[in-house]
Amino acid sequence: MNDQSLLSEETISNKIYFIRNQKVMLDFGLASLYEVETRRLNEQVKRNISRFPSDFMFQLTEIELENLM
């Protein structure tokens, strides 16, 4: 594997947030790591929902989103 293709720990840790007492990555952060559009990532999760545990994701409230921004 080429050194340029490896993600740095800092790159990943900058995309992790602490929300509802859990460490989480937002969909757009995860999509950027995989180099895909956010909507495509969400489409694939919805198509394959049975592959994910029930606590894999949750939707932010408007207030939580505003606090992050």
PDB file of N, CA and C in Angstrom:
ATOM      1  N   MET A   1       0.853  -1.193   0.000  1.00  0.00           N
ATOM      2  CA  MET A   1       0.000   0.000   0.000  1.00  0.00           C
ATOM      3  C   MET A   1       0.886   1.239   0.000  1.00  0.00           C
ATOM      4  N   ASN A   2       0.513   2.156  -0.742  1.00  0.00           N
ATOM      5  CA  ASN A   2       1.252   3.395  -0.927  1.00  0.00           C
ATOM      6  C   ASN A   2       1.003   4.341   0.254  1.00  0.00           C
ATOM      7  N   ASP A   3       2.060   5.005   0.719  1.00  0.00           N
ATOM      8  CA  ASP A   3       1.968   5.880   1.890  1.00  0.00           C
ATOM      9  C   ASP A   3       0.957   7.007   1.708  1.00  0.00           C
ATOM     10  N   GLN A   4       0.793   7.482   0.476  1.00  0.00           N
ATOM     11  CA  GLN A   4      -0.132   8.581   0.238  1.00  0.00           C
ATOM     12  C   GLN A   4      -1.590   8.155   0.411  1.00  0.00           C
ATOM     13  N   SER A   5      -1.875   6.860   0.258  1.00  0.00           N
ATOM     14  CA  SER A   5      -3.258   6.406   0.359  1.00  0.00           C
ATOM     15  C   SER A   5      -3.670   6.130   1.808  1.00  0.00           C
ATOM     16  N   LEU A   6      -2.709   6.116   2.729  1.00  0.00           N
ATOM     17  CA  LEU A   6      -3.027   5.875   4.128  1.00  0.00           C
ATOM     18  C   LEU A   6      -3.593   7.142   4.763  1.00  0.00           C
ATOM     19  N   LEU A   7      -4.598   6.970   5.566  1.00  0.00           N
ATOM     20  CA  LEU A   7      -5.188   8.106   6.266  1.00  0.00           C
ATOM     21  C   LEU A   7      -4.457   8.317   7.578  1.00  0.00           C
ATOM     22  N   SER A   8      -4.188   9.547   7.891  1.00  0.00           N
ATOM     23  CA  SER A   8      -3.515   9.830   9.147  1.00  0.00           C
ATOM     24  C   SER A   8      -4.509   9.732  10.293  1.00  0.00           C
ATOM     25  N   GLU A   9      -3.997   9.450  11.456  1.00  0.00           N
ATOM     26  CA  GLU A   9      -4.833   9.382  12.655  1.00  0.00           C
ATOM     27  C   GLU A   9      -5.524  10.715  12.883  1.00  0.00           C
ATOM     28  N   GLU A  10      -4.829  11.798  12.609  1.00  0.00           N
ATOM     29  CA  GLU A  10      -5.393  13.137  12.795  1.00  0.00           C
ATOM     30  C   GLU A  10      -6.562  13.378  11.840  1.00  0.00           C
ATOM     31  N   THR A  11      -6.438  12.927  10.596  1.00  0.00           N
ATOM     32  CA  THR A  11      -7.514  13.089   9.626  1.00  0.00           C
ATOM     33  C   THR A  11      -8.782  12.408  10.113  1.00  0.00           C
ATOM     34  N   ILE A  12      -8.636  11.213  10.637  1.00  0.00           N
ATOM     35  CA  ILE A  12      -9.797  10.464  11.128  1.00  0.00           C
ATOM     36  C   ILE A  12     -10.318  11.065  12.425  1.00  0.00           C
ATOM     37  N   SER A  13      -9.427  11.373  13.357  1.00  0.00           N
ATOM     38  CA  SER A  13      -9.880  11.886  14.656  1.00  0.00           C
ATOM     39  C   SER A  13     -10.576  13.239  14.531  1.00  0.00           C
ATOM     40  N   ASN A  14     -10.247  14.012  13.512  1.00  0.00           N
ATOM     41  CA  ASN A  14     -10.923  15.300  13.293  1.00  0.00           C
ATOM     42  C   ASN A  14     -12.357  15.126  12.817  1.00  0.00           C
ATOM     43  N   LYS A  15     -12.717  13.917  12.405  1.00  0.00           N
ATOM     44  CA  LYS A  15     -14.066  13.646  11.911  1.00  0.00           C
ATOM     45  C   LYS A  15     -14.930  12.940  12.961  1.00  0.00           C
ATOM     46  N   ILE A  16     -14.392  12.753  14.152  1.00  0.00           N
ATOM     47  CA  ILE A  16     -15.119  12.081  15.222  1.00  0.00           C
ATOM     48  C   ILE A  16     -15.628  13.127  16.208  1.00  0.00           C
ATOM     49  N   TYR A  17     -16.906  13.020  16.540  1.00  0.00           N
ATOM     50  CA  TYR A  17     -17.554  13.941  17.472  1.00  0.00           C
ATOM     51  C   TYR A  17     -18.111  13.153  18.647  1.00  0.00           C
ATOM     52  N   PHE A  18     -18.301  13.819  19.749  1.00  0.00           N
ATOM     53  CA  PHE A  18     -18.894  13.204  20.936  1.00  0.00           C
ATOM     54  C   PHE A  18     -20.318  13.733  21.053  1.00  0.00           C
ATOM     55  N   ILE A  19     -21.285  12.888  20.732  1.00  0.00           N
ATOM     56  CA  ILE A  19     -22.696  13.272  20.727  1.00  0.00           C
ATOM     57  C   ILE A  19     -23.488  12.211  21.478  1.00  0.00           C
ATOM     58  N   ARG A  20     -24.363  12.642  22.363  1.00  0.00           N
ATOM     59  CA  ARG A  20     -25.196  11.729  23.155  1.00  0.00           C
ATOM     60  C   ARG A  20     -24.342  10.685  23.891  1.00  0.00           C
ATOM     61  N   ASN A  21     -23.225  11.151  24.402  1.00  0.00           N
ATOM     62  CA  ASN A  21     -22.292  10.294  25.139  1.00  0.00           C
ATOM     63  C   ASN A  21     -21.720   9.158  24.302  1.00  0.00           C
ATOM     64  N   GLN A  22     -21.608   9.372  23.003  1.00  0.00           N
ATOM     65  CA  GLN A  22     -21.027   8.378  22.106  1.00  0.00           C
ATOM     66  C   GLN A  22     -20.080   9.067  21.135  1.00  0.00           C
ATOM     67  N   LYS A  23     -19.037   8.356  20.754  1.00  0.00           N
ATOM     68  CA  LYS A  23     -18.171   8.853  19.691  1.00  0.00           C
ATOM     69  C   LYS A  23     -18.826   8.482  18.371  1.00  0.00           C
ATOM     70  N   VAL A  24     -19.027   9.483  17.515  1.00  0.00           N
ATOM     71  CA  VAL A  24     -19.711   9.254  16.242  1.00  0.00           C
ATOM     72  C   VAL A  24     -18.996   9.964  15.101  1.00  0.00           C
ATOM     73  N   MET A  25     -19.229   9.452  13.912  1.00  0.00           N
ATOM     74  CA  MET A  25     -18.807  10.127  12.690  1.00  0.00           C
ATOM     75  C   MET A  25     -20.061  10.494  11.940  1.00  0.00           C
ATOM     76  N   LEU A  26     -20.110  11.705  11.442  1.00  0.00           N
ATOM     77  CA  LEU A  26     -21.261  12.147  10.664  1.00  0.00           C
ATOM     78  C   LEU A  26     -21.175  11.588   9.252  1.00  0.00           C
ATOM     79  N   ASP A  27     -22.304  11.489   8.609  1.00  0.00           N
ATOM     80  CA  ASP A  27     -22.335  10.877   7.284  1.00  0.00           C
ATOM     81  C   ASP A  27     -21.398  11.569   6.295  1.00  0.00           C
ATOM     82  N   PHE A  28     -21.332  12.891   6.342  1.00  0.00           N
ATOM     83  CA  PHE A  28     -20.465  13.576   5.373  1.00  0.00           C
ATOM     84  C   PHE A  28     -18.977  13.352   5.666  1.00  0.00           C
ATOM     85  N   GLY A  29     -18.622  13.143   6.924  1.00  0.00           N
ATOM     86  CA  GLY A  29     -17.231  12.828   7.266  1.00  0.00           C
ATOM     87  C   GLY A  29     -16.850  11.445   6.801  1.00  0.00           C
ATOM     88  N   LEU A  30     -17.732  10.490   7.006  1.00  0.00           N
ATOM     89  CA  LEU A  30     -17.488   9.119   6.566  1.00  0.00           C
ATOM     90  C   LEU A  30     -17.433   9.047   5.039  1.00  0.00           C
ATOM     91  N   ALA A  31     -18.339   9.762   4.392  1.00  0.00           N
ATOM     92  CA  ALA A  31     -18.349   9.790   2.925  1.00  0.00           C
ATOM     93  C   ALA A  31     -17.043  10.362   2.376  1.00  0.00           C
ATOM     94  N   SER A  32     -16.521  11.389   3.023  1.00  0.00           N
ATOM     95  CA  SER A  32     -15.262  11.970   2.530  1.00  0.00           C
ATOM     96  C   SER A  32     -14.096  10.996   2.696  1.00  0.00           C
ATOM     97  N   LEU A  33     -14.110  10.204   3.765  1.00  0.00           N
ATOM     98  CA  LEU A  33     -13.051   9.203   3.941  1.00  0.00           C
ATOM     99  C   LEU A  33     -13.083   8.146   2.837  1.00  0.00           C
ATOM    100  N   TYR A  34     -14.307   7.782   2.437  1.00  0.00           N
ATOM    101  CA  TYR A  34     -14.472   6.789   1.369  1.00  0.00           C
ATOM    102  C   TYR A  34     -14.477   7.415  -0.018  1.00  0.00           C
ATOM    103  N   GLU A  35     -14.367   8.736  -0.059  1.00  0.00           N
ATOM    104  CA  GLU A  35     -14.333   9.489  -1.307  1.00  0.00           C
ATOM    105  C   GLU A  35     -15.568   9.230  -2.171  1.00  0.00           C
ATOM    106  N   VAL A  36     -16.741   9.312  -1.527  1.00  0.00           N
ATOM    107  CA  VAL A  36     -18.017   9.194  -2.227  1.00  0.00           C
ATOM    108  C   VAL A  36     -18.899  10.357  -1.795  1.00  0.00           C
ATOM    109  N   GLU A  37     -19.964  10.594  -2.545  1.00  0.00           N
ATOM    110  CA  GLU A  37     -20.918  11.634  -2.164  1.00  0.00           C
ATOM    111  C   GLU A  37     -21.710  11.149  -0.955  1.00  0.00           C
ATOM    112  N   THR A  38     -22.078  12.078  -0.097  1.00  0.00           N
ATOM    113  CA  THR A  38     -22.840  11.743   1.106  1.00  0.00           C
ATOM    114  C   THR A  38     -24.143  11.044   0.740  1.00  0.00           C
ATOM    115  N   ARG A  39     -24.816  11.534  -0.278  1.00  0.00           N
ATOM    116  CA  ARG A  39     -26.096  10.927  -0.652  1.00  0.00           C
ATOM    117  C   ARG A  39     -25.922   9.484  -1.114  1.00  0.00           C
ATOM    118  N   ARG A  40     -24.799   9.187  -1.775  1.00  0.00           N
ATOM    119  CA  ARG A  40     -24.543   7.813  -2.225  1.00  0.00           C
ATOM    120  C   ARG A  40     -24.284   6.895  -1.031  1.00  0.00           C
ATOM    121  N   LEU A  41     -23.548   7.384  -0.042  1.00  0.00           N
ATOM    122  CA  LEU A  41     -23.303   6.602   1.167  1.00  0.00           C
ATOM    123  C   LEU A  41     -24.627   6.292   1.860  1.00  0.00           C
ATOM    124  N   ASN A  42     -25.479   7.298   2.015  1.00  0.00           N
ATOM    125  CA  ASN A  42     -26.774   7.109   2.664  1.00  0.00           C
ATOM    126  C   ASN A  42     -27.673   6.154   1.869  1.00  0.00           C
ATOM    127  N   GLU A  43     -27.624   6.237   0.551  1.00  0.00           N
ATOM    128  CA  GLU A  43     -28.403   5.309  -0.285  1.00  0.00           C
ATOM    129  C   GLU A  43     -27.977   3.869  -0.037  1.00  0.00           C
ATOM    130  N   GLN A  44     -26.670   3.645   0.022  1.00  0.00           N
ATOM    131  CA  GLN A  44     -26.163   2.288   0.212  1.00  0.00           C
ATOM    132  C   GLN A  44     -26.504   1.740   1.603  1.00  0.00           C
ATOM    133  N   VAL A  45     -26.459   2.605   2.600  1.00  0.00           N
ATOM    134  CA  VAL A  45     -26.839   2.167   3.950  1.00  0.00           C
ATOM    135  C   VAL A  45     -28.311   1.767   3.950  1.00  0.00           C
ATOM    136  N   LYS A  46     -29.168   2.588   3.339  1.00  0.00           N
ATOM    137  CA  LYS A  46     -30.601   2.274   3.296  1.00  0.00           C
ATOM    138  C   LYS A  46     -30.869   0.977   2.542  1.00  0.00           C
ATOM    139  N   ARG A  47     -30.137   0.757   1.449  1.00  0.00           N
ATOM    140  CA  ARG A  47     -30.315  -0.471   0.662  1.00  0.00           C
ATOM    141  C   ARG A  47     -29.880  -1.717   1.424  1.00  0.00           C
ATOM    142  N   ASN A  48     -28.915  -1.551   2.305  1.00  0.00           N
ATOM    143  CA  ASN A  48     -28.330  -2.695   3.011  1.00  0.00           C
ATOM    144  C   ASN A  48     -28.532  -2.601   4.518  1.00  0.00           C
ATOM    145  N   ILE A  49     -29.649  -2.054   4.943  1.00  0.00           N
ATOM    146  CA  ILE A  49     -29.895  -1.776   6.352  1.00  0.00           C
ATOM    147  C   ILE A  49     -29.778  -3.034   7.214  1.00  0.00           C
ATOM    148  N   SER A  50     -30.103  -4.184   6.681  1.00  0.00           N
ATOM    149  CA  SER A  50     -30.042  -5.424   7.469  1.00  0.00           C
ATOM    150  C   SER A  50     -28.608  -5.814   7.840  1.00  0.00           C
ATOM    151  N   ARG A  51     -27.640  -5.241   7.182  1.00  0.00           N
ATOM    152  CA  ARG A  51     -26.232  -5.539   7.485  1.00  0.00           C
ATOM    153  C   ARG A  51     -25.678  -4.734   8.652  1.00  0.00           C
ATOM    154  N   PHE A  52     -26.444  -3.773   9.138  1.00  0.00           N
ATOM    155  CA  PHE A  52     -25.969  -2.890  10.196  1.00  0.00           C
ATOM    156  C   PHE A  52     -26.713  -3.161  11.500  1.00  0.00           C
ATOM    157  N   PRO A  53     -25.998  -3.101  12.618  1.00  0.00           N
ATOM    158  CA  PRO A  53     -26.691  -3.269  13.903  1.00  0.00           C
ATOM    159  C   PRO A  53     -27.659  -2.109  14.143  1.00  0.00           C
ATOM    160  N   SER A  54     -28.647  -2.347  14.980  1.00  0.00           N
ATOM    161  CA  SER A  54     -29.684  -1.335  15.211  1.00  0.00           C
ATOM    162  C   SER A  54     -29.132  -0.027  15.781  1.00  0.00           C
ATOM    163  N   ASP A  55     -27.996  -0.082  16.481  1.00  0.00           N
ATOM    164  CA  ASP A  55     -27.416   1.134  17.058  1.00  0.00           C
ATOM    165  C   ASP A  55     -26.316   1.732  16.186  1.00  0.00           C
ATOM    166  N   PHE A  56     -26.275   1.355  14.917  1.00  0.00           N
ATOM    167  CA  PHE A  56     -25.246   1.839  14.002  1.00  0.00           C
ATOM    168  C   PHE A  56     -25.378   3.327  13.708  1.00  0.00           C
ATOM    169  N   MET A  57     -26.613   3.813  13.630  1.00  0.00           N
ATOM    170  CA  MET A  57     -26.795   5.218  13.265  1.00  0.00           C
ATOM    171  C   MET A  57     -28.014   5.803  13.968  1.00  0.00           C
ATOM    172  N   PHE A  58     -28.008   7.120  14.028  1.00  0.00           N
ATOM    173  CA  PHE A  58     -29.169   7.852  14.523  1.00  0.00           C
ATOM    174  C   PHE A  58     -29.184   9.207  13.850  1.00  0.00           C
ATOM    175  N   GLN A  59     -30.334   9.836  13.844  1.00  0.00           N
ATOM    176  CA  GLN A  59     -30.494  11.146  13.214  1.00  0.00           C
ATOM    177  C   GLN A  59     -30.320  12.238  14.264  1.00  0.00           C
ATOM    178  N   LEU A  60     -29.551  13.244  13.925  1.00  0.00           N
ATOM    179  CA  LEU A  60     -29.361  14.375  14.820  1.00  0.00           C
ATOM    180  C   LEU A  60     -30.614  15.235  14.858  1.00  0.00           C
ATOM    181  N   THR A  61     -30.854  15.846  15.997  1.00  0.00           N
ATOM    182  CA  THR A  61     -31.925  16.830  16.083  1.00  0.00           C
ATOM    183  C   THR A  61     -31.408  18.133  15.466  1.00  0.00           C
ATOM    184  N   GLU A  62     -32.284  19.038  15.193  1.00  0.00           N
ATOM    185  CA  GLU A  62     -31.873  20.342  14.632  1.00  0.00           C
ATOM    186  C   GLU A  62     -30.940  21.071  15.596  1.00  0.00           C
ATOM    187  N   ILE A  63     -31.221  20.982  16.879  1.00  0.00           N
ATOM    188  CA  ILE A  63     -30.389  21.654  17.888  1.00  0.00           C
ATOM    189  C   ILE A  63     -28.987  21.040  17.921  1.00  0.00           C
ATOM    190  N   GLU A  64     -28.899  19.715  17.853  1.00  0.00           N
ATOM    191  CA  GLU A  64     -27.587  19.058  17.850  1.00  0.00           C
ATOM    192  C   GLU A  64     -26.784  19.484  16.618  1.00  0.00           C
ATOM    193  N   LEU A  65     -27.437  19.539  15.476  1.00  0.00           N
ATOM    194  CA  LEU A  65     -26.757  19.955  14.259  1.00  0.00           C
ATOM    195  C   LEU A  65     -26.285  21.401  14.346  1.00  0.00           C
ATOM    196  N   GLU A  66     -27.128  22.275  14.864  1.00  0.00           N
ATOM    197  CA  GLU A  66     -26.740  23.680  15.028  1.00  0.00           C
ATOM    198  C   GLU A  66     -25.543  23.811  15.968  1.00  0.00           C
ATOM    199  N   ASN A  67     -25.524  23.025  17.037  1.00  0.00           N
ATOM    200  CA  ASN A  67     -24.403  23.074  17.981  1.00  0.00           C
ATOM    201  C   ASN A  67     -23.099  22.628  17.341  1.00  0.00           C
ATOM    202  N   LEU A  68     -23.173  21.693  16.413  1.00  0.00           N
ATOM    203  CA  LEU A  68     -21.959  21.237  15.733  1.00  0.00           C
ATOM    204  C   LEU A  68     -21.417  22.289  14.775  1.00  0.00           C
ATOM    205  N   MET A  69     -22.313  23.020  14.153  1.00  0.00           N
ATOM    206  CA  MET A  69     -21.900  24.015  13.170  1.00  0.00           C
ATOM    207  C   MET A  69     -21.460  25.250  13.905  1.00  0.00           C
TER     208      MET A  69
END
